Structures are given as structure tokens and as C-alpha cells.
Protein backbone atom coordinates (compact mmCIF):
# COMPACT_ATOMS: atom_id res chain seq x y z
CA MET A 1 110.23 113.49 106.51
CA TYR A 2 107.57 111.11 105.27
CA ARG A 3 107.25 108.11 103.02
CA ILE A 4 104.28 107.13 100.88
CA GLY A 5 102.96 103.59 100.67
CA VAL A 6 100.38 102.38 98.16
CA ASP A 7 98.33 99.20 98.43
CA LEU A 8 97.05 98.28 94.97
CA GLY A 9 94.12 95.96 95.59
CA GLY A 10 91.67 94.20 93.35
CA THR A 11 88.90 96.58 94.44
CA ASN A 12 90.57 99.77 95.68
CA ILE A 13 93.84 101.68 95.46
CA VAL A 14 94.85 103.03 98.88
CA ALA A 15 97.73 105.46 99.36
CA GLY A 16 99.04 106.58 102.73
CA VAL A 17 101.56 109.12 103.98
CA VAL A 18 103.55 107.35 106.72
CA ASP A 19 105.60 109.16 109.36
CA GLU A 20 108.73 107.99 111.19
CA TYR A 21 106.60 106.27 113.86
CA TYR A 22 104.82 104.12 111.23
CA ARG A 23 101.63 106.14 111.56
CA ILE A 24 99.48 106.94 108.53
CA VAL A 25 98.92 110.69 108.66
CA GLY A 26 97.21 111.17 105.29
CA ARG A 27 95.15 108.93 103.00
CA GLY A 28 93.97 108.90 99.41
CA THR A 29 91.89 106.32 97.57
CA ALA A 30 90.67 105.50 94.09
CA PRO A 31 88.71 102.53 92.71
CA THR A 32 90.73 99.89 90.88
CA ALA A 33 87.72 99.25 88.64
CA CYS A 34 89.01 96.14 86.89
CA PRO A 35 88.98 95.18 84.13
CA ARG A 36 90.42 98.20 82.35
CA PRO A 37 93.74 99.18 80.75
CA SER A 38 96.73 98.93 83.06
CA TRP A 39 97.93 102.47 82.38
CA GLU A 40 94.61 103.84 83.61
CA ILE A 41 95.02 101.98 86.90
CA ILE A 42 98.62 103.21 87.29
CA ASN A 43 97.48 106.77 86.65
CA ASP A 44 94.89 106.36 89.39
CA ILE A 45 97.69 105.31 91.73
CA ALA A 46 99.13 108.77 91.08
CA THR A 47 95.72 110.28 91.84
CA ALA A 48 95.55 108.44 95.19
CA ILE A 49 99.10 109.56 96.05
CA ASN A 50 98.27 113.21 95.41
CA LEU A 51 95.10 112.92 97.50
CA ALA A 52 97.10 111.41 100.38
CA VAL A 53 99.66 114.22 100.25
CA GLU A 54 96.86 116.78 100.29
CA ASP A 55 95.14 115.00 103.20
CA ALA A 56 98.39 115.01 105.21
CA ASP A 57 98.73 118.75 104.60
CA ILE A 58 102.27 118.37 103.28
CA THR A 59 103.94 118.73 99.88
CA LEU A 60 105.85 116.23 97.79
CA ASP A 61 109.02 118.00 98.90
CA ASP A 62 108.40 116.43 102.32
CA VAL A 63 108.33 112.91 100.87
CA LEU A 64 111.43 110.69 100.74
CA SER A 65 110.13 107.84 98.62
CA ILE A 66 107.08 106.07 97.22
CA GLY A 67 106.50 102.33 97.61
CA ILE A 68 103.89 100.34 95.69
CA GLY A 69 102.52 97.01 96.84
CA THR A 70 100.88 95.12 93.98
CA PRO A 71 99.40 91.67 93.52
CA GLY A 72 101.45 89.27 91.44
CA SER A 73 105.12 89.06 90.53
CA VAL A 74 107.38 92.10 90.29
CA ASN A 75 110.70 92.76 88.58
CA LYS A 76 112.10 95.21 91.08
CA GLN A 77 115.22 96.01 89.06
CA PHE A 78 113.22 97.37 86.14
CA GLY A 79 110.13 98.45 88.06
CA VAL A 80 107.82 96.17 86.07
CA ILE A 81 104.74 94.34 87.31
CA GLU A 82 105.40 91.16 85.36
CA TYR A 83 102.15 89.32 86.04
CA ALA A 84 99.10 90.00 88.20
CA ASN A 85 96.27 87.70 87.18
CA ASN A 86 93.57 89.39 89.24
CA LEU A 87 94.37 92.77 87.65
CA GLY A 88 94.99 91.52 84.12
CA PHE A 89 98.56 92.91 84.27
CA ASP A 90 101.25 91.50 81.97
CA ASN A 91 104.67 93.23 81.96
CA VAL A 92 103.37 96.64 83.01
CA PRO A 93 106.15 99.30 83.38
CA ALA A 94 104.58 100.81 86.48
CA ARG A 95 107.69 102.61 87.75
CA ASP A 96 108.30 104.39 84.44
CA ILE A 97 104.69 105.56 84.27
CA LEU A 98 104.80 106.89 87.83
CA GLN A 99 108.32 108.31 87.52
CA SER A 100 107.03 110.66 84.83
CA GLN A 101 104.74 112.19 87.47
CA PHE A 102 106.84 111.99 90.65
CA ASP A 103 110.51 112.90 90.97
CA LYS A 104 111.04 110.48 93.85
CA PRO A 105 112.59 107.04 94.33
CA ILE A 106 109.83 104.55 93.53
CA TYR A 107 109.94 100.97 94.77
CA LEU A 108 107.69 98.05 93.79
CA GLU A 109 107.00 94.88 95.72
CA ASN A 110 104.39 92.15 95.93
CA ASP A 111 101.49 93.33 98.09
CA ALA A 112 101.56 90.34 100.43
CA ASN A 113 105.28 90.91 100.99
CA CYS A 114 104.47 94.52 101.86
CA ALA A 115 101.81 93.40 104.35
CA ALA A 116 104.29 90.96 105.88
CA LEU A 117 106.96 93.66 106.14
CA GLY A 118 104.50 96.08 107.74
CA GLU A 119 103.27 93.52 110.26
CA ALA A 120 106.77 92.22 110.98
CA ILE A 121 108.15 95.68 111.76
CA ALA A 122 105.15 97.59 113.11
CA GLY A 123 102.51 94.98 113.94
CA ALA A 124 102.01 91.35 114.93
CA GLY A 125 105.60 90.29 114.27
CA ASP A 126 106.91 91.75 117.53
CA GLY A 127 110.39 91.74 116.05
CA VAL A 128 110.65 87.96 115.46
CA GLU A 129 113.08 86.69 112.85
CA ASN A 130 110.76 84.20 111.11
CA PHE A 131 107.30 85.40 110.25
CA VAL A 132 104.51 84.75 107.76
CA ALA A 133 101.57 87.03 106.97
CA VAL A 134 98.51 85.59 105.23
CA THR A 135 96.13 88.07 103.62
CA LEU A 136 92.60 86.90 102.78
CA GLY A 137 91.18 89.26 100.18
CA THR A 138 90.26 89.10 96.50
CA GLY A 139 93.02 86.47 96.39
CA VAL A 140 95.16 84.79 99.03
CA GLY A 141 98.44 86.56 99.58
CA THR A 142 101.37 85.39 101.67
CA GLY A 143 104.49 87.22 102.67
CA ILE A 144 107.35 85.25 104.22
CA VAL A 145 110.12 86.71 106.39
CA VAL A 146 113.09 84.40 107.06
CA ASN A 147 115.92 85.53 109.33
CA GLY A 148 114.51 89.05 109.27
CA LYS A 149 114.35 89.38 105.48
CA ILE A 150 111.54 88.94 102.96
CA LEU A 151 111.93 85.66 101.11
CA LEU A 152 112.20 86.65 97.43
CA GLY A 153 113.67 83.65 95.62
CA CYS A 154 115.87 83.85 92.53
CA ASN A 155 113.39 86.06 90.66
CA ASP A 156 111.64 88.10 93.40
CA ALA A 157 108.53 85.93 92.92
CA ALA A 158 108.78 83.60 95.94
CA GLY A 159 106.04 83.27 98.51
CA GLU A 160 102.97 82.76 96.32
CA MET A 161 101.47 80.21 98.68
CA GLY A 162 98.00 81.13 97.47
CA HIS A 163 98.88 79.22 94.32
CA MET A 164 99.91 75.95 95.91
CA VAL A 165 97.45 73.25 94.88
CA ILE A 166 95.52 71.80 97.81
CA VAL A 167 92.88 69.93 95.75
CA ALA A 168 94.15 68.05 92.70
CA ASP A 169 92.08 69.02 89.64
CA GLY A 170 89.90 71.18 91.88
CA GLU A 171 88.25 74.55 91.36
CA PRO A 172 89.77 76.64 88.56
CA CYS A 173 91.99 79.50 89.70
CA THR A 174 92.49 82.78 87.88
CA CYS A 175 96.20 81.90 87.56
CA GLY A 176 95.30 79.09 85.16
CA ARG A 177 95.83 76.15 87.51
CA LYS A 178 93.16 74.08 89.25
CA GLY A 179 92.78 73.51 92.96
CA CYS A 180 94.90 76.42 94.23
CA TRP A 181 94.50 77.46 97.85
CA GLU A 182 93.29 80.83 96.56
CA ALA A 183 90.40 79.08 94.81
CA TYR A 184 89.19 77.89 98.22
CA SER A 185 90.28 80.47 100.82
CA SER A 186 90.00 83.86 99.11
CA ALA A 187 87.01 86.13 99.66
CA THR A 188 86.15 85.42 96.03
CA ALA A 189 85.98 81.69 96.77
CA LEU A 190 83.97 82.26 99.93
CA ILE A 191 81.41 84.36 98.05
CA ARG A 192 81.21 81.74 95.31
CA GLN A 193 80.50 78.99 97.85
CA THR A 194 78.02 81.19 99.74
CA LYS A 195 76.00 81.77 96.57
CA LYS A 196 76.09 78.06 95.73
CA VAL A 197 74.71 77.08 99.14
CA MET A 198 72.13 79.87 99.04
CA ASN A 199 70.79 78.55 95.76
CA GLU A 200 70.55 75.10 97.34
CA ASN A 201 68.81 76.44 100.47
CA LYS A 202 66.10 78.92 99.61
CA ASP A 203 64.99 79.11 103.27
CA SER A 204 68.44 80.11 104.53
CA LYS A 205 68.73 83.29 106.58
CA MET A 206 71.44 84.32 104.16
CA TRP A 207 68.67 85.42 101.79
CA ASP A 208 67.33 87.81 104.46
CA ILE A 209 70.84 89.18 105.06
CA VAL A 210 71.21 90.05 101.36
CA ASP A 211 67.64 91.45 101.13
CA GLY A 212 66.68 88.73 98.68
CA ASP A 213 69.31 89.76 96.10
CA ILE A 214 72.11 87.23 95.74
CA GLU A 215 74.34 89.88 94.17
CA ASN A 216 74.52 91.56 97.59
CA THR A 217 76.42 88.54 98.92
CA ASN A 218 79.81 89.35 100.44
CA GLY A 219 82.45 87.74 102.62
CA LYS A 220 80.46 88.36 105.80
CA THR A 221 77.14 86.90 104.63
CA ALA A 222 77.75 83.31 105.72
CA PHE A 223 79.41 84.34 108.99
CA ASP A 224 76.49 86.63 109.89
CA ALA A 225 74.04 83.84 109.07
CA MET A 226 76.03 81.38 111.18
CA ARG A 227 75.86 83.79 114.13
CA ALA A 228 72.09 83.92 113.64
CA GLY A 229 71.91 80.13 113.95
CA ASP A 230 71.51 79.35 110.26
CA ALA A 231 72.63 75.82 109.37
CA ALA A 232 73.35 76.67 105.73
CA GLY A 233 75.54 79.60 106.80
CA GLN A 234 77.33 77.32 109.25
CA SER A 235 78.04 74.81 106.47
CA VAL A 236 79.69 77.54 104.36
CA VAL A 237 81.84 78.69 107.27
CA ASP A 238 82.86 75.08 108.04
CA TRP A 239 83.76 74.57 104.37
CA TYR A 240 85.86 77.73 104.34
CA ILE A 241 87.69 77.02 107.60
CA HIS A 242 88.47 73.46 106.48
CA TYR A 243 90.41 74.67 103.45
CA LEU A 244 91.94 77.63 105.27
CA GLY A 245 93.28 75.21 107.86
CA ILE A 246 94.80 72.97 105.19
CA GLY A 247 96.71 75.88 103.67
CA ILE A 248 97.93 77.26 106.98
CA THR A 249 99.07 73.81 108.11
CA ASN A 250 101.07 73.50 104.89
CA ILE A 251 102.75 76.84 105.59
CA VAL A 252 103.55 75.85 109.19
CA ASN A 253 104.99 72.51 108.05
CA THR A 254 107.09 74.23 105.38
CA PHE A 255 108.48 77.24 107.24
CA GLN A 256 107.83 76.71 110.97
CA PRO A 257 107.68 80.50 111.53
CA ASP A 258 107.75 82.00 115.01
CA VAL A 259 104.52 83.85 114.21
CA LEU A 260 101.90 83.51 111.48
CA CYS A 261 99.34 86.28 111.29
CA VAL A 262 96.09 86.35 109.32
CA GLY A 263 94.69 89.59 107.92
CA GLY A 264 92.70 90.95 105.01
CA GLY A 265 88.96 91.39 104.69
CA ILE A 266 88.03 87.88 105.83
CA GLY A 267 90.74 88.04 108.49
CA ALA A 268 88.55 90.61 110.23
CA GLU A 269 86.58 87.63 111.58
CA ARG A 270 89.56 87.13 113.88
CA GLU A 271 88.96 84.39 116.50
CA THR A 272 85.90 83.07 114.66
CA LEU A 273 88.44 81.93 112.08
CA LEU A 274 91.56 81.39 114.11
CA GLU A 275 90.27 79.29 116.99
CA PRO A 276 89.15 76.40 114.74
CA VAL A 277 92.16 76.87 112.44
CA ARG A 278 94.51 76.43 115.41
CA LYS A 279 92.79 73.15 116.23
CA ILE A 280 93.25 71.93 112.65
CA VAL A 281 96.93 72.88 112.70
CA ALA A 282 97.47 71.24 116.11
CA GLU A 283 95.99 68.00 114.77
CA GLU A 284 97.72 67.98 111.39
CA ARG A 285 101.12 69.65 111.78
CA TYR A 286 104.18 67.49 111.32
CA SER A 287 105.91 68.98 114.38
CA VAL A 288 103.30 67.47 116.69
CA HIS A 289 105.75 66.67 119.52
CA THR A 290 107.92 69.79 119.28
CA MET A 291 107.88 72.13 122.28
CA ASP A 292 108.22 75.36 120.27
CA GLN A 293 105.26 75.92 117.96
CA THR A 294 104.13 78.66 115.61
CA ARG A 295 101.93 81.29 117.22
CA ILE A 296 98.90 81.91 114.99
CA CYS A 297 97.29 85.30 115.54
CA SER A 298 95.36 88.09 113.89
CA ALA A 299 97.16 90.83 112.02
CA ARG A 300 97.35 94.01 114.10
CA LEU A 301 97.53 96.62 111.38
CA GLY A 302 94.38 95.58 109.52
CA ASN A 303 94.11 97.05 106.05
CA ASP A 304 96.99 99.42 106.87
CA ALA A 305 99.63 96.67 106.82
CA GLY A 306 100.18 96.83 103.07
CA VAL A 307 100.36 100.62 103.04
CA ILE A 308 102.85 100.77 105.91
CA GLY A 309 104.95 97.96 104.49
CA ALA A 310 105.03 99.58 101.05
CA ALA A 311 106.18 102.84 102.62
CA LEU A 312 109.08 100.97 104.26
CA LEU A 313 110.42 99.65 100.95
CA ASP A 314 113.91 100.64 99.90
CA GLU A 315 116.71 99.24 97.79
């Protein structure tokens, strides 16, 4: 039998059919296309699920359950996405909408928690009891596993480390606060800073990378320019790593996990990010003299972590 996991992202909806060995054997996608009505997005989750089932060459009769990983806070008891600022969701009854189309158990969970669960069980966690996954995408997601279980808090909304303030009265965040870690370490923040520095440096190689059109800027632009020896690109990367290191040090000081893995779109830079971040953490962590220290590594499952973790959801 199979399980279906869905990763609802700010850009794309990705559904996967997952087998008993945690392998994705069928995929389906649809654009998230925000902003638009929430029910349209939920209906496109159903579209992605059906495409994944077709791609796996199975039927829904072969599926045990469907798990949805979504940004924001989730009321798992009632199957409601209570708040997802990047999607414009406010008390969306996602399970009821999907239940009308699929006669299967449907579970909802925060997307970063799903990524953490996937990595903890089938990826970088290697079976450790205390684990944190950081996902660098449209926002900054964190999933926290303590003593082998996802940390949920009293209302299933724990673990939103992307919304801890690291700069008082800093950059505005889509959550309504100012200075959140997400406003400095998300791909959105990186692109914002890249464009700012490009406009200040008209001779930067970043302009060549984007073919002269600043709207072509993405999360790789500054890193590619840095690798080409561009000083402006280097300054953007240094800016980004500085704030990423602050946030990760805060997480290490708070939870002291056995392993902390970094994934998501920007996480694909792997050691380009992690080598300098480790140095920041080594210099700034509170546990400076402790023998046992958190291992900071790249996520192993890449963009599949959220799909696999969502498929593993149950009551």
C-alpha cells in the first residue's frame, strides 16, 4: 500500500505517492499562483494528488492516507489551516474541502514540521532523538523534533522560528512583525537584498547573470556572481550568511539538537552556506566549552522532505 504526501508551497503544489521504503514513486504538481481564493488552491491540491496517482500507475484504492504539509499554523483536530500569511489563508477548512473529493484519512501539518519528520525518519536525522530542520524557501520554516516527537506546543503552532525577531524594528515581515528571521534569511529576503545591491552597483556581474532585467533575479543570482568574483555579489552573500548564522545560533542555543539540517531552495548551496555558518555558530554559541555539539549539515531529501514527511503523518 501507498501513502500520499503533499507539499503546499508558496510557488508550487507538489504531491507524491510514497511507498513503504519512503520512495516517491509518482508525482503531480500544480502552481500555487498566489494570490487567489483559498478554495481554488485547495482544489489544485486535489488536482496534484490525482496526477501523482496517475503517474504512479495505481488507483486511489491502493492509497492508505493523504497528508498535507502547509505553511502556517494548523488546527489538526478540525483540519483547518488557521493562518498562513504567505498564502493569504485565514481559517481555511482544507480537510473538509478535500474530504469531499477523497474518501481517505486526511492529515494536515505545518510544512516545516513535515520536512523535519521526513528528514528525521528517512534523511539527515539518522534516527537521532533531537533534531531540527530549517527550510529556506519563500519563508523560513523550522521543524523541531524533541525526544523523537515533533514539538507542537499547546496549540499545534510551535516551532515558528522564522518569526523570532533578530533585528529590533527591522525589515517588515509578512506576518505583521518587524525584524523576523524570515525577513532576512528567506529566499524572498535574499532576492530583495540582491536587487537593492544591484541598483547600487550598475557594473555588477549580477546584471549580466539576469540578462539586464532585474526581474530575472532569483536566489542563486548573488551566489553565481560571487563565484564569478563579483564584489557586489559577495557582499550580498556575506549579508545573507550573517543573518542566517544568527538565527541558527539562536536555535542551537535554545534546543541543542543532536543534528540541525538546512534545506529548501537556498539550502541547495550546501557547503557554500554551511561552512561559514558553522564558524559563526562555533564563535557565538553559549555551549562553547561543551564536548557534545550540534552537527550542522545539509538536508538529504532535498525538496522531497516535505512530501515524504507529509505522507508519514497519522493521528
